[in-house]
N, C-alpha and C. Protein backbone atom coordinates (compact mmCIF):
# COMPACT_ATOMS: atom_id res chain seq x y z
N MET A 1 14.42 0.41 -1.81
CA MET A 1 13.78 -0.83 -1.43
C MET A 1 13.91 -1.87 -2.54
N ARG A 2 13.67 -1.43 -3.76
CA ARG A 2 13.75 -2.39 -4.87
C ARG A 2 15.15 -2.94 -5.03
N SER A 3 16.16 -2.09 -4.86
CA SER A 3 17.53 -2.58 -5.02
C SER A 3 17.92 -3.52 -3.88
N ASN A 4 17.37 -3.30 -2.70
CA ASN A 4 17.62 -4.20 -1.56
C ASN A 4 16.72 -5.43 -1.59
N GLU A 5 15.71 -5.38 -2.46
CA GLU A 5 14.72 -6.44 -2.60
C GLU A 5 14.02 -6.78 -1.28
N ARG A 6 13.71 -5.72 -0.54
CA ARG A 6 12.90 -5.88 0.65
C ARG A 6 12.43 -4.51 1.12
N GLY A 7 11.30 -4.51 1.78
CA GLY A 7 10.76 -3.28 2.33
C GLY A 7 9.25 -3.34 2.37
N VAL A 8 8.68 -2.38 3.07
CA VAL A 8 7.23 -2.30 3.22
C VAL A 8 6.80 -0.85 3.10
N ILE A 9 5.75 -0.63 2.33
CA ILE A 9 5.11 0.67 2.25
C ILE A 9 3.70 0.50 2.79
N VAL A 10 3.34 1.32 3.77
CA VAL A 10 1.98 1.30 4.33
C VAL A 10 1.33 2.63 3.98
N ASN A 11 0.32 2.57 3.13
CA ASN A 11 -0.43 3.77 2.76
C ASN A 11 -1.60 3.94 3.72
N VAL A 12 -1.66 5.09 4.37
CA VAL A 12 -2.80 5.42 5.23
C VAL A 12 -3.73 6.25 4.36
N ILE A 13 -4.90 5.68 4.05
CA ILE A 13 -5.77 6.25 3.03
C ILE A 13 -6.99 6.88 3.70
N GLY A 14 -8.07 6.18 3.82
CA GLY A 14 -9.29 6.71 4.44
C GLY A 14 -10.49 5.94 3.95
N ILE A 15 -11.42 5.70 4.83
CA ILE A 15 -12.57 4.85 4.54
C ILE A 15 -13.47 5.43 3.45
N ALA A 16 -13.39 6.72 3.19
CA ALA A 16 -14.23 7.32 2.15
C ALA A 16 -13.92 6.77 0.77
N GLY A 17 -12.74 6.20 0.59
CA GLY A 17 -12.43 5.57 -0.70
C GLY A 17 -13.18 4.28 -0.92
N ALA A 18 -13.48 3.58 0.17
CA ALA A 18 -14.23 2.32 0.09
C ALA A 18 -15.73 2.54 0.27
N ALA A 19 -16.09 3.64 0.93
CA ALA A 19 -17.49 3.99 1.18
C ALA A 19 -17.66 5.46 0.81
N PRO A 20 -17.69 5.76 -0.50
CA PRO A 20 -17.72 7.16 -0.94
C PRO A 20 -18.97 7.90 -0.48
N ARG A 21 -18.77 9.20 -0.24
CA ARG A 21 -19.87 10.06 0.20
C ARG A 21 -19.97 11.25 -0.75
N PHE A 22 -21.20 11.62 -1.08
CA PHE A 22 -21.41 12.75 -1.97
C PHE A 22 -20.84 14.05 -1.39
N ASP A 23 -20.99 14.24 -0.08
CA ASP A 23 -20.52 15.48 0.54
C ASP A 23 -19.00 15.53 0.71
N TYR A 24 -18.33 14.48 0.27
CA TYR A 24 -16.86 14.41 0.33
C TYR A 24 -16.35 13.75 -0.95
N ILE A 25 -16.97 14.12 -2.09
CA ILE A 25 -16.73 13.41 -3.34
C ILE A 25 -15.28 13.53 -3.82
N CYS A 26 -14.66 14.67 -3.68
CA CYS A 26 -13.27 14.80 -4.14
C CYS A 26 -12.34 13.94 -3.30
N GLY A 27 -12.50 13.98 -1.99
CA GLY A 27 -11.69 13.13 -1.12
C GLY A 27 -11.97 11.66 -1.33
N SER A 28 -13.25 11.33 -1.55
CA SER A 28 -13.62 9.93 -1.80
C SER A 28 -12.95 9.40 -3.06
N MET A 29 -12.96 10.22 -4.10
CA MET A 29 -12.35 9.80 -5.37
C MET A 29 -10.83 9.66 -5.23
N ALA A 30 -10.22 10.59 -4.54
CA ALA A 30 -8.77 10.51 -4.33
C ALA A 30 -8.42 9.26 -3.52
N ASN A 31 -9.19 8.99 -2.47
CA ASN A 31 -8.93 7.80 -1.66
C ASN A 31 -9.16 6.53 -2.46
N ALA A 32 -10.18 6.50 -3.29
CA ALA A 32 -10.43 5.32 -4.13
C ALA A 32 -9.25 5.07 -5.07
N GLY A 33 -8.68 6.15 -5.59
CA GLY A 33 -7.51 6.01 -6.44
C GLY A 33 -6.32 5.44 -5.67
N LEU A 34 -6.14 5.87 -4.44
CA LEU A 34 -5.04 5.35 -3.62
C LEU A 34 -5.26 3.89 -3.25
N ILE A 35 -6.52 3.51 -3.07
CA ILE A 35 -6.81 2.10 -2.81
C ILE A 35 -6.42 1.27 -4.02
N ALA A 36 -6.83 1.70 -5.22
CA ALA A 36 -6.49 0.97 -6.44
C ALA A 36 -4.97 0.94 -6.64
N PHE A 37 -4.30 2.05 -6.38
CA PHE A 37 -2.85 2.11 -6.48
C PHE A 37 -2.20 1.09 -5.55
N THR A 38 -2.63 1.06 -4.31
CA THR A 38 -2.07 0.14 -3.32
C THR A 38 -2.28 -1.31 -3.75
N GLN A 39 -3.46 -1.62 -4.25
CA GLN A 39 -3.75 -2.99 -4.66
C GLN A 39 -2.90 -3.40 -5.87
N THR A 40 -2.80 -2.55 -6.86
CA THR A 40 -2.08 -2.94 -8.08
C THR A 40 -0.57 -2.92 -7.88
N VAL A 41 -0.05 -1.90 -7.24
CA VAL A 41 1.38 -1.84 -6.99
C VAL A 41 1.77 -2.95 -6.00
N GLY A 42 0.94 -3.19 -5.02
CA GLY A 42 1.21 -4.25 -4.05
C GLY A 42 1.23 -5.63 -4.67
N ALA A 43 0.45 -5.83 -5.70
CA ALA A 43 0.44 -7.12 -6.39
C ALA A 43 1.72 -7.31 -7.20
N ASP A 44 2.24 -6.25 -7.77
CA ASP A 44 3.43 -6.34 -8.62
C ASP A 44 4.74 -6.23 -7.85
N SER A 45 4.74 -5.49 -6.76
CA SER A 45 5.98 -5.20 -6.02
C SER A 45 6.61 -6.42 -5.36
N THR A 46 5.83 -7.46 -5.20
CA THR A 46 6.37 -8.67 -4.56
C THR A 46 7.48 -9.30 -5.39
N LYS A 47 7.48 -9.01 -6.69
CA LYS A 47 8.54 -9.54 -7.56
C LYS A 47 9.92 -9.03 -7.13
N LYS A 48 9.93 -7.89 -6.47
CA LYS A 48 11.18 -7.30 -5.97
C LYS A 48 11.27 -7.36 -4.45
N GLY A 49 10.42 -8.15 -3.82
CA GLY A 49 10.49 -8.33 -2.37
C GLY A 49 9.92 -7.19 -1.55
N VAL A 50 9.20 -6.30 -2.19
CA VAL A 50 8.62 -5.15 -1.50
C VAL A 50 7.12 -5.38 -1.33
N ARG A 51 6.64 -5.12 -0.13
CA ARG A 51 5.21 -5.21 0.14
C ARG A 51 4.59 -3.82 0.17
N VAL A 52 3.38 -3.70 -0.36
CA VAL A 52 2.63 -2.45 -0.31
C VAL A 52 1.25 -2.79 0.22
N VAL A 53 0.90 -2.18 1.34
CA VAL A 53 -0.40 -2.42 1.98
C VAL A 53 -1.02 -1.08 2.35
N GLY A 54 -2.28 -1.11 2.72
CA GLY A 54 -2.95 0.13 3.08
C GLY A 54 -3.90 -0.04 4.24
N VAL A 55 -4.25 1.08 4.83
CA VAL A 55 -5.22 1.14 5.92
C VAL A 55 -6.21 2.24 5.58
N ASN A 56 -7.49 1.92 5.73
CA ASN A 56 -8.56 2.90 5.58
C ASN A 56 -9.16 3.19 6.95
N PRO A 57 -8.61 4.16 7.67
CA PRO A 57 -9.23 4.48 8.96
C PRO A 57 -10.59 5.13 8.77
N GLY A 58 -11.51 4.79 9.65
CA GLY A 58 -12.76 5.52 9.74
C GLY A 58 -12.52 6.74 10.62
N PRO A 59 -13.59 7.35 11.14
CA PRO A 59 -13.40 8.49 12.02
C PRO A 59 -12.45 8.13 13.17
N THR A 60 -11.43 8.93 13.34
CA THR A 60 -10.38 8.68 14.33
C THR A 60 -10.21 9.92 15.19
N GLU A 61 -10.10 9.71 16.49
CA GLU A 61 -9.99 10.83 17.42
C GLU A 61 -8.62 11.49 17.31
N THR A 62 -8.57 12.46 16.42
CA THR A 62 -7.36 13.27 16.22
C THR A 62 -7.71 14.71 16.59
N GLU A 63 -6.70 15.57 16.64
CA GLU A 63 -6.96 16.99 16.92
C GLU A 63 -7.94 17.56 15.91
N ARG A 64 -7.78 17.17 14.66
CA ARG A 64 -8.65 17.67 13.59
C ARG A 64 -10.11 17.28 13.83
N LEU A 65 -10.34 16.00 14.16
CA LEU A 65 -11.71 15.53 14.40
C LEU A 65 -12.30 16.23 15.63
N VAL A 66 -11.55 16.32 16.71
CA VAL A 66 -12.06 16.95 17.92
C VAL A 66 -12.41 18.41 17.67
N LYS A 67 -11.56 19.12 16.95
CA LYS A 67 -11.83 20.53 16.65
C LYS A 67 -13.12 20.66 15.83
N LEU A 68 -13.27 19.81 14.82
CA LEU A 68 -14.46 19.84 13.98
C LEU A 68 -15.72 19.56 14.80
N TYR A 69 -15.67 18.53 15.63
CA TYR A 69 -16.87 18.16 16.38
C TYR A 69 -17.13 19.06 17.58
N ARG A 70 -16.11 19.71 18.10
CA ARG A 70 -16.35 20.74 19.12
C ARG A 70 -17.16 21.88 18.52
N ALA A 71 -16.79 22.28 17.30
CA ALA A 71 -17.53 23.35 16.63
C ALA A 71 -18.97 22.93 16.35
N ARG A 72 -19.15 21.69 15.93
CA ARG A 72 -20.51 21.20 15.67
C ARG A 72 -21.34 21.11 16.95
N ALA A 73 -20.70 20.71 18.04
CA ALA A 73 -21.41 20.63 19.32
C ALA A 73 -21.79 22.03 19.81
N GLU A 74 -20.91 22.98 19.58
CA GLU A 74 -21.23 24.36 19.96
C GLU A 74 -22.44 24.86 19.18
N GLN A 75 -22.50 24.55 17.87
CA GLN A 75 -23.65 24.95 17.05
C GLN A 75 -24.92 24.23 17.47
N ARG A 76 -24.81 22.93 17.71
CA ARG A 76 -26.00 22.13 17.99
C ARG A 76 -26.51 22.28 19.42
N PHE A 77 -25.59 22.27 20.38
CA PHE A 77 -25.98 22.25 21.80
C PHE A 77 -25.62 23.52 22.56
N GLY A 78 -24.81 24.39 21.94
CA GLY A 78 -24.32 25.55 22.66
C GLY A 78 -23.24 25.19 23.67
N ASP A 79 -22.66 24.00 23.52
CA ASP A 79 -21.62 23.52 24.45
C ASP A 79 -20.64 22.64 23.69
N GLU A 80 -19.45 23.18 23.43
CA GLU A 80 -18.46 22.44 22.64
C GLU A 80 -17.99 21.16 23.34
N ASN A 81 -18.12 21.09 24.65
CA ASN A 81 -17.67 19.91 25.38
C ASN A 81 -18.58 18.69 25.20
N ARG A 82 -19.71 18.88 24.55
CA ARG A 82 -20.63 17.76 24.30
C ARG A 82 -20.34 17.07 22.96
N TRP A 83 -19.18 17.35 22.36
CA TRP A 83 -18.85 16.78 21.05
C TRP A 83 -18.93 15.26 20.99
N PRO A 84 -18.58 14.51 22.05
CA PRO A 84 -18.68 13.04 21.93
C PRO A 84 -20.10 12.55 21.66
N GLU A 85 -21.11 13.30 22.10
CA GLU A 85 -22.50 12.90 21.89
C GLU A 85 -22.84 12.79 20.40
N ILE A 86 -22.23 13.64 19.59
CA ILE A 86 -22.52 13.64 18.16
C ILE A 86 -21.98 12.37 17.49
N LEU A 87 -21.03 11.73 18.11
CA LEU A 87 -20.37 10.57 17.52
C LEU A 87 -20.87 9.25 18.10
N GLN A 88 -21.90 9.28 18.92
CA GLN A 88 -22.39 8.05 19.56
C GLN A 88 -22.98 7.06 18.56
N HIS A 89 -23.30 7.49 17.34
CA HIS A 89 -23.83 6.59 16.32
C HIS A 89 -22.75 5.69 15.72
N LEU A 90 -21.50 6.02 15.96
CA LEU A 90 -20.40 5.24 15.40
C LEU A 90 -20.32 3.86 16.05
N PRO A 91 -19.69 2.90 15.37
CA PRO A 91 -19.49 1.59 16.00
C PRO A 91 -18.80 1.77 17.36
N PHE A 92 -19.21 1.01 18.31
CA PHE A 92 -18.69 1.07 19.69
C PHE A 92 -18.97 2.42 20.35
N GLY A 93 -19.80 3.25 19.72
CA GLY A 93 -20.21 4.52 20.31
C GLY A 93 -19.12 5.57 20.38
N ARG A 94 -18.07 5.43 19.56
CA ARG A 94 -16.95 6.37 19.62
C ARG A 94 -16.12 6.29 18.35
N PRO A 95 -15.29 7.31 18.09
CA PRO A 95 -14.34 7.19 17.00
C PRO A 95 -13.19 6.27 17.42
N ALA A 96 -12.43 5.81 16.45
CA ALA A 96 -11.23 5.02 16.74
C ALA A 96 -10.22 5.89 17.48
N LYS A 97 -9.41 5.26 18.27
CA LYS A 97 -8.29 5.96 18.91
C LYS A 97 -7.10 5.92 17.93
N ALA A 98 -6.32 6.97 17.90
CA ALA A 98 -5.16 7.01 17.02
C ALA A 98 -4.23 5.83 17.31
N GLN A 99 -4.11 5.43 18.56
CA GLN A 99 -3.26 4.31 18.94
C GLN A 99 -3.75 3.01 18.30
N GLU A 100 -5.06 2.85 18.17
CA GLU A 100 -5.60 1.64 17.54
C GLU A 100 -5.20 1.57 16.07
N ILE A 101 -5.27 2.69 15.38
CA ILE A 101 -4.87 2.73 13.98
C ILE A 101 -3.35 2.54 13.89
N GLY A 102 -2.61 3.17 14.78
CA GLY A 102 -1.16 3.03 14.80
C GLY A 102 -0.72 1.59 15.02
N ASP A 103 -1.41 0.90 15.93
CA ASP A 103 -1.07 -0.51 16.18
C ASP A 103 -1.27 -1.36 14.93
N LEU A 104 -2.34 -1.09 14.19
CA LEU A 104 -2.59 -1.82 12.95
C LEU A 104 -1.49 -1.54 11.93
N ILE A 105 -1.06 -0.29 11.82
CA ILE A 105 0.00 0.07 10.88
C ILE A 105 1.30 -0.64 11.25
N VAL A 106 1.63 -0.67 12.52
CA VAL A 106 2.85 -1.34 12.98
C VAL A 106 2.77 -2.82 12.64
N TYR A 107 1.63 -3.44 12.87
CA TYR A 107 1.46 -4.86 12.53
C TYR A 107 1.66 -5.08 11.03
N LEU A 108 1.01 -4.28 10.21
CA LEU A 108 1.12 -4.46 8.76
C LEU A 108 2.55 -4.27 8.26
N ALA A 109 3.31 -3.43 8.92
CA ALA A 109 4.70 -3.21 8.52
C ALA A 109 5.65 -4.28 9.07
N SER A 110 5.16 -5.09 9.99
CA SER A 110 6.03 -6.06 10.65
C SER A 110 6.16 -7.35 9.85
N ARG A 111 7.13 -8.16 10.25
CA ARG A 111 7.34 -9.47 9.63
C ARG A 111 6.15 -10.40 9.87
N ARG A 112 5.38 -10.14 10.91
CA ARG A 112 4.21 -10.99 11.19
C ARG A 112 3.18 -10.91 10.06
N ALA A 113 3.22 -9.85 9.29
CA ALA A 113 2.30 -9.69 8.16
C ALA A 113 3.04 -9.88 6.83
N SER A 114 4.08 -10.68 6.85
CA SER A 114 4.99 -10.78 5.70
C SER A 114 4.38 -11.37 4.44
N TYR A 115 3.19 -11.95 4.51
CA TYR A 115 2.57 -12.48 3.30
C TYR A 115 1.46 -11.58 2.79
N LEU A 116 1.33 -10.41 3.36
CA LEU A 116 0.30 -9.47 2.92
C LEU A 116 0.92 -8.42 2.00
N SER A 117 0.34 -8.28 0.84
CA SER A 117 0.71 -7.21 -0.09
C SER A 117 -0.48 -6.98 -1.01
N GLY A 118 -0.71 -5.73 -1.35
CA GLY A 118 -1.83 -5.41 -2.22
C GLY A 118 -3.17 -5.42 -1.50
N VAL A 119 -3.16 -5.45 -0.19
CA VAL A 119 -4.40 -5.45 0.58
C VAL A 119 -4.57 -4.11 1.27
N VAL A 120 -5.82 -3.74 1.48
CA VAL A 120 -6.17 -2.53 2.21
C VAL A 120 -7.16 -2.93 3.29
N VAL A 121 -6.82 -2.63 4.53
CA VAL A 121 -7.65 -3.00 5.67
C VAL A 121 -8.57 -1.83 6.02
N ASP A 122 -9.88 -2.10 6.03
CA ASP A 122 -10.85 -1.10 6.46
C ASP A 122 -10.94 -1.13 7.98
N ALA A 123 -10.48 -0.07 8.62
CA ALA A 123 -10.45 0.01 10.08
C ALA A 123 -11.49 1.02 10.55
N ASP A 124 -12.75 0.68 10.30
CA ASP A 124 -13.84 1.60 10.65
C ASP A 124 -14.83 0.97 11.62
N GLY A 125 -14.45 -0.11 12.27
CA GLY A 125 -15.33 -0.76 13.23
C GLY A 125 -16.55 -1.39 12.59
N GLY A 126 -16.52 -1.57 11.28
CA GLY A 126 -17.68 -2.11 10.57
C GLY A 126 -18.71 -1.04 10.20
N GLY A 127 -18.35 0.21 10.43
CA GLY A 127 -19.28 1.32 10.23
C GLY A 127 -19.85 1.46 8.84
N ARG A 128 -19.09 1.14 7.83
CA ARG A 128 -19.63 1.32 6.48
C ARG A 128 -20.68 0.28 6.16
N PHE A 129 -20.77 -0.79 6.98
CA PHE A 129 -21.77 -1.82 6.75
C PHE A 129 -22.98 -1.68 7.66
N SER A 130 -22.89 -0.78 8.65
CA SER A 130 -24.01 -0.65 9.59
C SER A 130 -25.06 0.29 9.00
N GLY A 131 -26.25 0.11 9.44
CA GLY A 131 -27.37 0.88 8.92
C GLY A 131 -27.49 2.17 9.58
């Protein structure tokens, strides 16, 4: 990329770096480091025509999340199919869809976002600011 003087790197990080949690302290610290990396490298990389941006997804409906919350629903309710109930406290009453996060990544990598570098977008529905 540097030799071609163009390109885009999109780091998919995680909201725990911007909203650290004690019960996920190692992951929170690693994500915070990736946020700082994205910001600093993204600020310098423009000298060579390369953009570096990031996305901090909040809870996203992936196989991993569904498996985790099915197990929690089984423990709490005795019915793994009630897993969505545990996530009703999230913004919009649900986790993000993978497609929503994917669409944001595609946009950030596109020419339409050509003046963005060194930024990290928090894609958590505003959840880290809600009470």
